[in-house]
N, C-alpha and C. Protein backbone atom coordinates (compact mmCIF):
# COMPACT_ATOMS: atom_id res chain seq x y z
N MET A 1 18.66 -72.67 0.31
CA MET A 1 19.37 -71.43 0.42
C MET A 1 19.29 -70.62 -0.88
N LYS A 2 19.34 -71.31 -2.00
CA LYS A 2 19.26 -70.64 -3.29
C LYS A 2 17.90 -69.96 -3.45
N ASN A 3 16.86 -70.62 -2.96
CA ASN A 3 15.51 -70.05 -3.04
C ASN A 3 15.42 -68.74 -2.26
N ILE A 4 16.05 -68.73 -1.13
CA ILE A 4 16.01 -67.53 -0.28
C ILE A 4 16.75 -66.38 -0.98
N LEU A 5 17.92 -66.67 -1.57
CA LEU A 5 18.69 -65.64 -2.25
C LEU A 5 17.91 -65.08 -3.46
N LYS A 6 17.18 -65.92 -4.19
CA LYS A 6 16.38 -65.46 -5.33
C LYS A 6 15.27 -64.53 -4.86
N LYS A 7 14.60 -64.89 -3.74
CA LYS A 7 13.52 -64.05 -3.23
C LYS A 7 14.05 -62.70 -2.76
N ILE A 8 15.24 -62.71 -2.15
CA ILE A 8 15.83 -61.45 -1.69
C ILE A 8 16.14 -60.55 -2.89
N ASN A 9 16.73 -61.12 -3.95
CA ASN A 9 17.05 -60.34 -5.15
C ASN A 9 15.79 -59.78 -5.80
N ILE A 10 14.72 -60.55 -5.84
CA ILE A 10 13.46 -60.08 -6.43
C ILE A 10 12.91 -58.92 -5.59
N ARG A 11 12.92 -59.07 -4.29
CA ARG A 11 12.38 -58.02 -3.41
C ARG A 11 13.22 -56.74 -3.49
N LYS A 12 14.54 -56.85 -3.58
CA LYS A 12 15.39 -55.69 -3.70
C LYS A 12 15.06 -54.91 -4.98
N GLY A 13 14.83 -55.59 -6.06
CA GLY A 13 14.48 -54.95 -7.32
C GLY A 13 13.16 -54.20 -7.21
N LYS A 14 12.18 -54.77 -6.55
CA LYS A 14 10.89 -54.11 -6.39
C LYS A 14 11.02 -52.89 -5.49
N LYS A 15 11.85 -52.97 -4.46
CA LYS A 15 12.04 -51.83 -3.56
C LYS A 15 12.71 -50.67 -4.29
N ILE A 16 13.67 -50.99 -5.14
CA ILE A 16 14.36 -49.94 -5.89
C ILE A 16 13.39 -49.26 -6.85
N LYS A 17 12.57 -50.00 -7.53
CA LYS A 17 11.60 -49.43 -8.46
C LYS A 17 10.59 -48.55 -7.71
N LEU A 18 10.13 -49.01 -6.55
CA LEU A 18 9.18 -48.24 -5.75
C LEU A 18 9.82 -46.94 -5.25
N GLY A 19 11.09 -47.00 -4.91
CA GLY A 19 11.82 -45.81 -4.48
C GLY A 19 11.92 -44.78 -5.59
N TYR A 20 12.21 -45.24 -6.80
CA TYR A 20 12.26 -44.33 -7.94
C TYR A 20 10.91 -43.66 -8.18
N VAL A 21 9.85 -44.39 -8.07
CA VAL A 21 8.51 -43.84 -8.27
C VAL A 21 8.20 -42.79 -7.21
N LEU A 22 8.48 -43.09 -5.95
CA LEU A 22 8.21 -42.14 -4.86
C LEU A 22 9.05 -40.87 -5.01
N VAL A 23 10.32 -41.00 -5.33
CA VAL A 23 11.18 -39.84 -5.51
C VAL A 23 10.70 -39.00 -6.69
N SER A 24 10.28 -39.65 -7.76
CA SER A 24 9.77 -38.92 -8.93
C SER A 24 8.51 -38.14 -8.60
N ILE A 25 7.60 -38.73 -7.83
CA ILE A 25 6.36 -38.04 -7.44
C ILE A 25 6.67 -36.84 -6.56
N VAL A 26 7.54 -37.00 -5.58
CA VAL A 26 7.91 -35.90 -4.69
C VAL A 26 8.60 -34.79 -5.48
N LEU A 27 9.51 -35.14 -6.38
CA LEU A 27 10.21 -34.15 -7.19
C LEU A 27 9.25 -33.39 -8.10
N LEU A 28 8.30 -34.08 -8.69
CA LEU A 28 7.30 -33.44 -9.53
C LEU A 28 6.45 -32.47 -8.70
N PHE A 29 6.06 -32.86 -7.51
CA PHE A 29 5.27 -32.01 -6.62
C PHE A 29 6.05 -30.75 -6.25
N VAL A 30 7.32 -30.87 -5.94
CA VAL A 30 8.16 -29.73 -5.58
C VAL A 30 8.32 -28.79 -6.77
N ILE A 31 8.52 -29.32 -7.95
CA ILE A 31 8.66 -28.49 -9.15
C ILE A 31 7.37 -27.72 -9.42
N LEU A 32 6.23 -28.38 -9.35
CA LEU A 32 4.95 -27.70 -9.58
C LEU A 32 4.70 -26.62 -8.54
N LEU A 33 5.01 -26.89 -7.29
CA LEU A 33 4.84 -25.91 -6.23
C LEU A 33 5.77 -24.71 -6.45
N GLY A 34 7.00 -24.97 -6.86
CA GLY A 34 7.94 -23.88 -7.14
C GLY A 34 7.49 -23.02 -8.30
N ILE A 35 6.98 -23.62 -9.35
CA ILE A 35 6.49 -22.86 -10.51
C ILE A 35 5.32 -21.98 -10.10
N LYS A 36 4.42 -22.53 -9.31
CA LYS A 36 3.25 -21.76 -8.87
C LYS A 36 3.66 -20.56 -8.02
N MET A 37 4.69 -20.70 -7.20
CA MET A 37 5.13 -19.61 -6.35
C MET A 37 5.91 -18.54 -7.13
N ILE A 38 6.68 -18.97 -8.12
CA ILE A 38 7.54 -18.03 -8.85
C ILE A 38 6.78 -17.26 -9.92
N LEU A 39 5.98 -17.94 -10.69
CA LEU A 39 5.27 -17.27 -11.78
C LEU A 39 4.09 -16.48 -11.24
N PRO A 40 3.91 -15.26 -11.71
CA PRO A 40 2.80 -14.44 -11.21
C PRO A 40 1.46 -14.95 -11.74
N ASN A 41 0.47 -14.80 -10.88
CA ASN A 41 -0.88 -15.11 -11.35
C ASN A 41 -1.53 -13.81 -11.81
N ASN A 42 -2.69 -13.87 -12.34
CA ASN A 42 -3.32 -12.71 -12.94
C ASN A 42 -4.13 -11.88 -11.95
N SER A 43 -3.82 -11.95 -10.68
CA SER A 43 -4.56 -11.17 -9.70
C SER A 43 -3.91 -9.81 -9.48
N SER A 44 -4.61 -8.93 -8.82
CA SER A 44 -4.13 -7.59 -8.54
C SER A 44 -3.01 -7.65 -7.50
N LYS A 45 -2.12 -6.64 -7.53
CA LYS A 45 -1.05 -6.60 -6.53
C LYS A 45 -1.60 -6.34 -5.13
N TYR A 46 -2.86 -5.88 -5.04
CA TYR A 46 -3.48 -5.61 -3.76
C TYR A 46 -4.31 -6.78 -3.26
N GLY A 47 -4.43 -7.85 -4.03
CA GLY A 47 -5.27 -8.97 -3.62
C GLY A 47 -6.72 -8.53 -3.56
N ASP A 48 -7.41 -8.91 -2.48
CA ASP A 48 -8.83 -8.52 -2.34
C ASP A 48 -9.01 -7.30 -1.45
N ARG A 49 -7.93 -6.59 -1.16
CA ARG A 49 -8.03 -5.41 -0.29
C ARG A 49 -8.79 -4.26 -0.95
N LEU A 50 -8.90 -4.28 -2.27
CA LEU A 50 -9.59 -3.20 -2.99
C LEU A 50 -11.04 -3.55 -3.29
N GLU A 51 -11.53 -4.57 -2.66
CA GLU A 51 -12.91 -4.98 -2.90
C GLU A 51 -13.86 -3.82 -2.59
N GLY A 52 -14.72 -3.51 -3.52
CA GLY A 52 -15.69 -2.43 -3.35
C GLY A 52 -15.23 -1.07 -3.82
N ILE A 53 -14.02 -0.98 -4.37
CA ILE A 53 -13.49 0.33 -4.78
C ILE A 53 -14.27 0.89 -5.95
N ASN A 54 -14.85 0.04 -6.78
CA ASN A 54 -15.63 0.53 -7.92
C ASN A 54 -16.96 1.13 -7.50
N SER A 55 -17.47 0.73 -6.34
CA SER A 55 -18.74 1.28 -5.87
C SER A 55 -18.57 2.66 -5.25
N ILE A 56 -17.35 3.01 -4.85
CA ILE A 56 -17.07 4.33 -4.27
C ILE A 56 -15.93 4.96 -5.06
N PRO A 57 -16.23 5.50 -6.22
CA PRO A 57 -15.16 6.04 -7.06
C PRO A 57 -14.61 7.36 -6.52
N PHE A 58 -13.36 7.59 -6.83
CA PHE A 58 -12.70 8.86 -6.49
C PHE A 58 -12.05 9.36 -7.76
N GLY A 59 -12.77 10.19 -8.50
CA GLY A 59 -12.32 10.63 -9.82
C GLY A 59 -11.74 12.02 -9.83
N LYS A 60 -11.64 12.57 -11.04
CA LYS A 60 -11.03 13.88 -11.24
C LYS A 60 -11.81 15.00 -10.56
N THR A 61 -13.13 14.91 -10.55
CA THR A 61 -13.91 15.99 -9.93
C THR A 61 -13.66 16.05 -8.44
N GLU A 62 -13.59 14.89 -7.78
CA GLU A 62 -13.30 14.87 -6.34
C GLU A 62 -11.88 15.38 -6.06
N LYS A 63 -10.94 14.97 -6.91
CA LYS A 63 -9.56 15.43 -6.75
C LYS A 63 -9.49 16.95 -6.88
N ASN A 64 -10.14 17.47 -7.91
CA ASN A 64 -10.10 18.92 -8.15
C ASN A 64 -10.75 19.71 -7.02
N LYS A 65 -11.82 19.17 -6.42
CA LYS A 65 -12.46 19.86 -5.28
C LYS A 65 -11.47 20.05 -4.14
N ILE A 66 -10.74 18.99 -3.82
CA ILE A 66 -9.78 19.06 -2.71
C ILE A 66 -8.63 20.01 -3.05
N ILE A 67 -8.09 19.88 -4.25
CA ILE A 67 -6.97 20.74 -4.65
C ILE A 67 -7.40 22.21 -4.66
N ASP A 68 -8.60 22.48 -5.20
CA ASP A 68 -9.09 23.87 -5.24
C ASP A 68 -9.30 24.43 -3.83
N LYS A 69 -9.82 23.59 -2.93
CA LYS A 69 -10.04 24.03 -1.54
C LYS A 69 -8.71 24.40 -0.89
N ILE A 70 -7.70 23.61 -1.11
CA ILE A 70 -6.39 23.88 -0.50
C ILE A 70 -5.73 25.10 -1.14
N LYS A 71 -5.81 25.19 -2.46
CA LYS A 71 -5.16 26.31 -3.16
C LYS A 71 -5.84 27.65 -2.91
N LYS A 72 -7.10 27.64 -2.45
CA LYS A 72 -7.80 28.89 -2.14
C LYS A 72 -7.09 29.67 -1.03
N ASP A 73 -6.47 28.96 -0.12
CA ASP A 73 -5.79 29.61 0.98
C ASP A 73 -4.54 30.31 0.46
N GLU A 74 -4.35 31.57 0.85
CA GLU A 74 -3.23 32.34 0.33
C GLU A 74 -1.88 31.87 0.90
N LYS A 75 -1.89 31.01 1.91
CA LYS A 75 -0.65 30.51 2.49
C LYS A 75 -0.08 29.31 1.74
N VAL A 76 -0.85 28.78 0.79
CA VAL A 76 -0.44 27.60 0.04
C VAL A 76 0.22 28.01 -1.28
N GLU A 77 1.39 27.44 -1.55
CA GLU A 77 2.09 27.72 -2.81
C GLU A 77 1.71 26.73 -3.91
N SER A 78 1.71 25.45 -3.59
CA SER A 78 1.38 24.44 -4.59
C SER A 78 0.73 23.24 -3.91
N CYS A 79 0.00 22.47 -4.72
CA CYS A 79 -0.70 21.31 -4.17
C CYS A 79 -0.83 20.24 -5.25
N LYS A 80 -0.66 19.01 -4.85
CA LYS A 80 -0.93 17.89 -5.76
C LYS A 80 -1.52 16.74 -4.95
N LEU A 81 -2.20 15.85 -5.68
CA LEU A 81 -2.93 14.77 -5.04
C LEU A 81 -2.69 13.49 -5.82
N ASN A 82 -2.39 12.42 -5.12
CA ASN A 82 -2.17 11.11 -5.73
C ASN A 82 -3.11 10.10 -5.08
N VAL A 83 -3.66 9.20 -5.90
CA VAL A 83 -4.49 8.11 -5.38
C VAL A 83 -3.87 6.81 -5.83
N GLU A 84 -3.59 5.95 -4.86
CA GLU A 84 -3.07 4.63 -5.17
C GLU A 84 -3.80 3.62 -4.30
N GLY A 85 -4.62 2.82 -4.96
CA GLY A 85 -5.42 1.85 -4.21
C GLY A 85 -6.44 2.57 -3.36
N LYS A 86 -6.41 2.33 -2.06
CA LYS A 86 -7.34 2.97 -1.13
C LYS A 86 -6.66 4.07 -0.32
N LEU A 87 -5.58 4.63 -0.84
CA LEU A 87 -4.84 5.67 -0.14
C LEU A 87 -4.79 6.93 -0.98
N ILE A 88 -5.28 8.02 -0.40
CA ILE A 88 -5.23 9.33 -1.04
C ILE A 88 -4.10 10.11 -0.37
N THR A 89 -3.14 10.54 -1.17
CA THR A 89 -2.01 11.31 -0.64
C THR A 89 -2.12 12.74 -1.15
N ILE A 90 -2.19 13.69 -0.22
CA ILE A 90 -2.28 15.10 -0.56
C ILE A 90 -0.97 15.76 -0.13
N ILE A 91 -0.28 16.34 -1.10
CA ILE A 91 1.02 16.96 -0.85
C ILE A 91 0.91 18.43 -1.20
N PHE A 92 1.23 19.30 -0.23
CA PHE A 92 1.24 20.72 -0.56
C PHE A 92 2.34 21.45 0.17
N ASP A 93 2.76 22.54 -0.46
CA ASP A 93 3.81 23.42 0.08
C ASP A 93 3.16 24.69 0.58
N VAL A 94 3.63 25.17 1.72
CA VAL A 94 3.11 26.43 2.28
C VAL A 94 4.20 27.50 2.19
N LYS A 95 3.76 28.74 2.31
CA LYS A 95 4.69 29.87 2.22
C LYS A 95 5.55 29.96 3.47
N LYS A 96 6.55 30.78 3.36
CA LYS A 96 7.57 30.91 4.39
C LYS A 96 7.02 31.33 5.76
N ASP A 97 6.00 32.18 5.79
CA ASP A 97 5.49 32.71 7.06
C ASP A 97 4.36 31.87 7.66
N THR A 98 4.11 30.67 7.17
CA THR A 98 3.02 29.83 7.66
C THR A 98 3.48 29.02 8.87
N SER A 99 2.65 28.99 9.90
CA SER A 99 2.97 28.20 11.09
C SER A 99 2.47 26.76 10.91
N ILE A 100 2.92 25.91 11.80
CA ILE A 100 2.48 24.51 11.76
C ILE A 100 0.98 24.42 11.99
N ASP A 101 0.47 25.19 12.94
CA ASP A 101 -0.97 25.16 13.23
C ASP A 101 -1.80 25.60 12.02
N ASP A 102 -1.33 26.61 11.31
CA ASP A 102 -2.04 27.06 10.11
C ASP A 102 -2.04 25.97 9.04
N ALA A 103 -0.91 25.31 8.87
CA ALA A 103 -0.82 24.23 7.87
C ALA A 103 -1.75 23.07 8.23
N LYS A 104 -1.79 22.73 9.51
CA LYS A 104 -2.68 21.65 9.95
C LYS A 104 -4.14 22.03 9.74
N LYS A 105 -4.47 23.30 9.98
CA LYS A 105 -5.84 23.76 9.78
C LYS A 105 -6.24 23.70 8.31
N ILE A 106 -5.33 24.06 7.42
CA ILE A 106 -5.60 23.98 5.98
C ILE A 106 -5.91 22.53 5.59
N ALA A 107 -5.13 21.61 6.11
CA ALA A 107 -5.35 20.19 5.80
C ALA A 107 -6.69 19.71 6.36
N SER A 108 -6.98 20.07 7.60
CA SER A 108 -8.25 19.65 8.22
C SER A 108 -9.44 20.24 7.48
N ASP A 109 -9.33 21.50 7.09
CA ASP A 109 -10.43 22.15 6.37
C ASP A 109 -10.67 21.52 5.00
N SER A 110 -9.63 20.97 4.40
CA SER A 110 -9.80 20.37 3.08
C SER A 110 -10.68 19.12 3.12
N LEU A 111 -10.80 18.51 4.29
CA LEU A 111 -11.65 17.32 4.43
C LEU A 111 -13.13 17.66 4.34
N GLU A 112 -13.48 18.95 4.45
CA GLU A 112 -14.89 19.35 4.38
C GLU A 112 -15.49 19.06 3.02
N VAL A 113 -14.69 19.10 1.96
CA VAL A 113 -15.22 18.88 0.61
C VAL A 113 -15.23 17.41 0.22
N VAL A 114 -14.67 16.57 1.07
CA VAL A 114 -14.65 15.13 0.80
C VAL A 114 -15.94 14.52 1.33
N GLY A 115 -16.58 13.71 0.50
CA GLY A 115 -17.82 13.07 0.89
C GLY A 115 -17.63 12.04 1.99
N LYS A 116 -18.70 11.77 2.74
CA LYS A 116 -18.64 10.83 3.86
C LYS A 116 -18.27 9.42 3.40
N LYS A 117 -18.83 9.00 2.26
CA LYS A 117 -18.52 7.66 1.75
C LYS A 117 -17.03 7.52 1.43
N VAL A 118 -16.46 8.57 0.86
CA VAL A 118 -15.03 8.54 0.52
C VAL A 118 -14.20 8.51 1.80
N LYS A 119 -14.56 9.32 2.78
CA LYS A 119 -13.82 9.34 4.06
C LYS A 119 -13.89 8.00 4.77
N ASP A 120 -15.02 7.31 4.63
CA ASP A 120 -15.20 6.02 5.30
C ASP A 120 -14.57 4.86 4.55
N PHE A 121 -14.13 5.09 3.32
CA PHE A 121 -13.56 4.00 2.52
C PHE A 121 -12.05 4.17 2.30
N TYR A 122 -11.62 5.39 2.05
CA TYR A 122 -10.21 5.67 1.73
C TYR A 122 -9.46 6.16 2.96
N ASP A 123 -8.17 5.82 3.04
CA ASP A 123 -7.27 6.43 4.00
C ASP A 123 -6.70 7.68 3.33
N ILE A 124 -6.52 8.74 4.11
CA ILE A 124 -6.03 10.00 3.55
C ILE A 124 -4.79 10.42 4.34
N GLN A 125 -3.73 10.74 3.61
CA GLN A 125 -2.52 11.23 4.28
C GLN A 125 -2.10 12.56 3.68
N PHE A 126 -1.56 13.39 4.55
CA PHE A 126 -1.11 14.73 4.16
C PHE A 126 0.40 14.82 4.34
N MET A 127 1.05 15.44 3.38
CA MET A 127 2.48 15.74 3.47
C MET A 127 2.61 17.23 3.19
N ILE A 128 3.04 17.97 4.21
CA ILE A 128 3.11 19.43 4.11
C ILE A 128 4.56 19.86 4.28
N SER A 129 5.03 20.66 3.35
CA SER A 129 6.40 21.14 3.44
C SER A 129 6.45 22.64 3.19
N LYS A 130 7.57 23.20 3.57
CA LYS A 130 7.82 24.62 3.37
C LYS A 130 9.17 24.70 2.67
N LYS A 131 9.15 25.07 1.38
CA LYS A 131 10.37 25.03 0.58
C LYS A 131 11.40 26.04 1.04
N ASN A 132 10.99 27.21 1.47
CA ASN A 132 11.93 28.28 1.81
C ASN A 132 12.09 28.46 3.31
N GLU A 133 12.02 27.37 4.04
CA GLU A 133 12.14 27.49 5.49
C GLU A 133 13.59 27.78 5.88
N GLU A 134 13.76 28.78 6.71
CA GLU A 134 15.09 29.11 7.20
C GLU A 134 15.41 28.23 8.39
N THR A 135 16.59 27.72 8.41
CA THR A 135 16.99 26.87 9.53
C THR A 135 17.84 27.68 10.50
N LYS A 136 17.63 27.44 11.74
CA LYS A 136 18.44 28.06 12.78
C LYS A 136 19.29 26.98 13.41
N GLU A 137 20.45 27.32 13.80
CA GLU A 137 21.35 26.32 14.36
C GLU A 137 20.81 25.76 15.67
N ASP A 138 20.14 26.58 16.47
CA ASP A 138 19.67 26.14 17.78
C ASP A 138 18.33 25.42 17.71
N ALA A 139 17.53 25.71 16.71
CA ALA A 139 16.19 25.14 16.64
C ALA A 139 16.11 24.10 15.52
N LYS A 140 15.26 23.14 15.71
CA LYS A 140 15.08 22.14 14.65
C LYS A 140 14.08 22.67 13.63
N LYS A 141 14.10 22.11 12.46
CA LYS A 141 13.16 22.52 11.41
C LYS A 141 11.75 22.08 11.80
N GLU A 142 10.79 22.92 11.52
CA GLU A 142 9.40 22.59 11.83
C GLU A 142 8.77 21.74 10.73
N PHE A 143 9.17 21.96 9.51
CA PHE A 143 8.59 21.25 8.37
C PHE A 143 9.63 20.31 7.78
N PRO A 144 9.26 19.27 7.11
CA PRO A 144 7.93 18.84 6.70
C PRO A 144 7.18 18.17 7.84
N ILE A 145 5.86 18.18 7.73
CA ILE A 145 5.01 17.46 8.67
C ILE A 145 4.12 16.51 7.89
N MET A 146 3.69 15.47 8.57
CA MET A 146 2.80 14.48 7.94
C MET A 146 1.60 14.24 8.85
N GLY A 147 0.47 14.05 8.21
CA GLY A 147 -0.75 13.72 8.92
C GLY A 147 -1.44 12.55 8.25
N TYR A 148 -2.18 11.78 9.04
CA TYR A 148 -2.83 10.59 8.50
C TYR A 148 -4.22 10.46 9.07
N LYS A 149 -5.18 10.19 8.18
CA LYS A 149 -6.56 9.94 8.60
C LYS A 149 -6.95 8.56 8.13
N ASN A 150 -7.18 7.68 9.06
CA ASN A 150 -7.62 6.33 8.75
C ASN A 150 -9.10 6.34 8.42
N LYS A 151 -9.53 5.41 7.60
CA LYS A 151 -10.94 5.36 7.21
C LYS A 151 -11.87 5.15 8.41
N LYS A 152 -11.36 4.64 9.50
CA LYS A 152 -12.19 4.37 10.68
C LYS A 152 -12.22 5.53 11.66
N THR A 153 -11.40 6.55 11.44
CA THR A 153 -11.35 7.68 12.36
C THR A 153 -11.90 8.93 11.69
N SER A 154 -12.22 9.93 12.51
CA SER A 154 -12.79 11.16 11.96
C SER A 154 -11.75 12.28 11.86
N GLY A 155 -10.68 12.20 12.62
CA GLY A 155 -9.69 13.28 12.62
C GLY A 155 -8.35 12.83 12.06
N ILE A 156 -7.48 13.82 11.90
CA ILE A 156 -6.14 13.57 11.37
C ILE A 156 -5.17 13.42 12.54
N VAL A 157 -4.30 12.44 12.47
CA VAL A 157 -3.26 12.25 13.47
C VAL A 157 -1.96 12.81 12.89
N TRP A 158 -1.32 13.73 13.62
CA TRP A 158 -0.10 14.39 13.12
C TRP A 158 1.12 13.78 13.76
């Protein structure tokens, strides 16, 4: 009986040591996984979605072409253009007497100066507002309006 009790005590000690080792390994794995998730890596915030952006640049000359085309219209008060990643945002204000159809035509016409490669790579969105629009109690405001052209489509969706 004493022999059996000694073997049981020896086995219990080995089981406890093995348990400590397994818990330590699992805890170390969880800590390493947590550190990897929390600390930022040196990749872009866009991941690989911007792959190929250097081969189709959109610089100041292209921006100025679009802005100049829009500002040529006498119905436009101001225009600005922002590029973030693969999205070109064109924001312009129209004068008080401009209709929605006229504003949409100005936006559509501005795409004529954009190259085919740029249209096929970048998404383009338009934000058009009218600063001095009068509101009527019975009618809803017509502006602001937004339009979006996906790189896979040829027209603007309003």
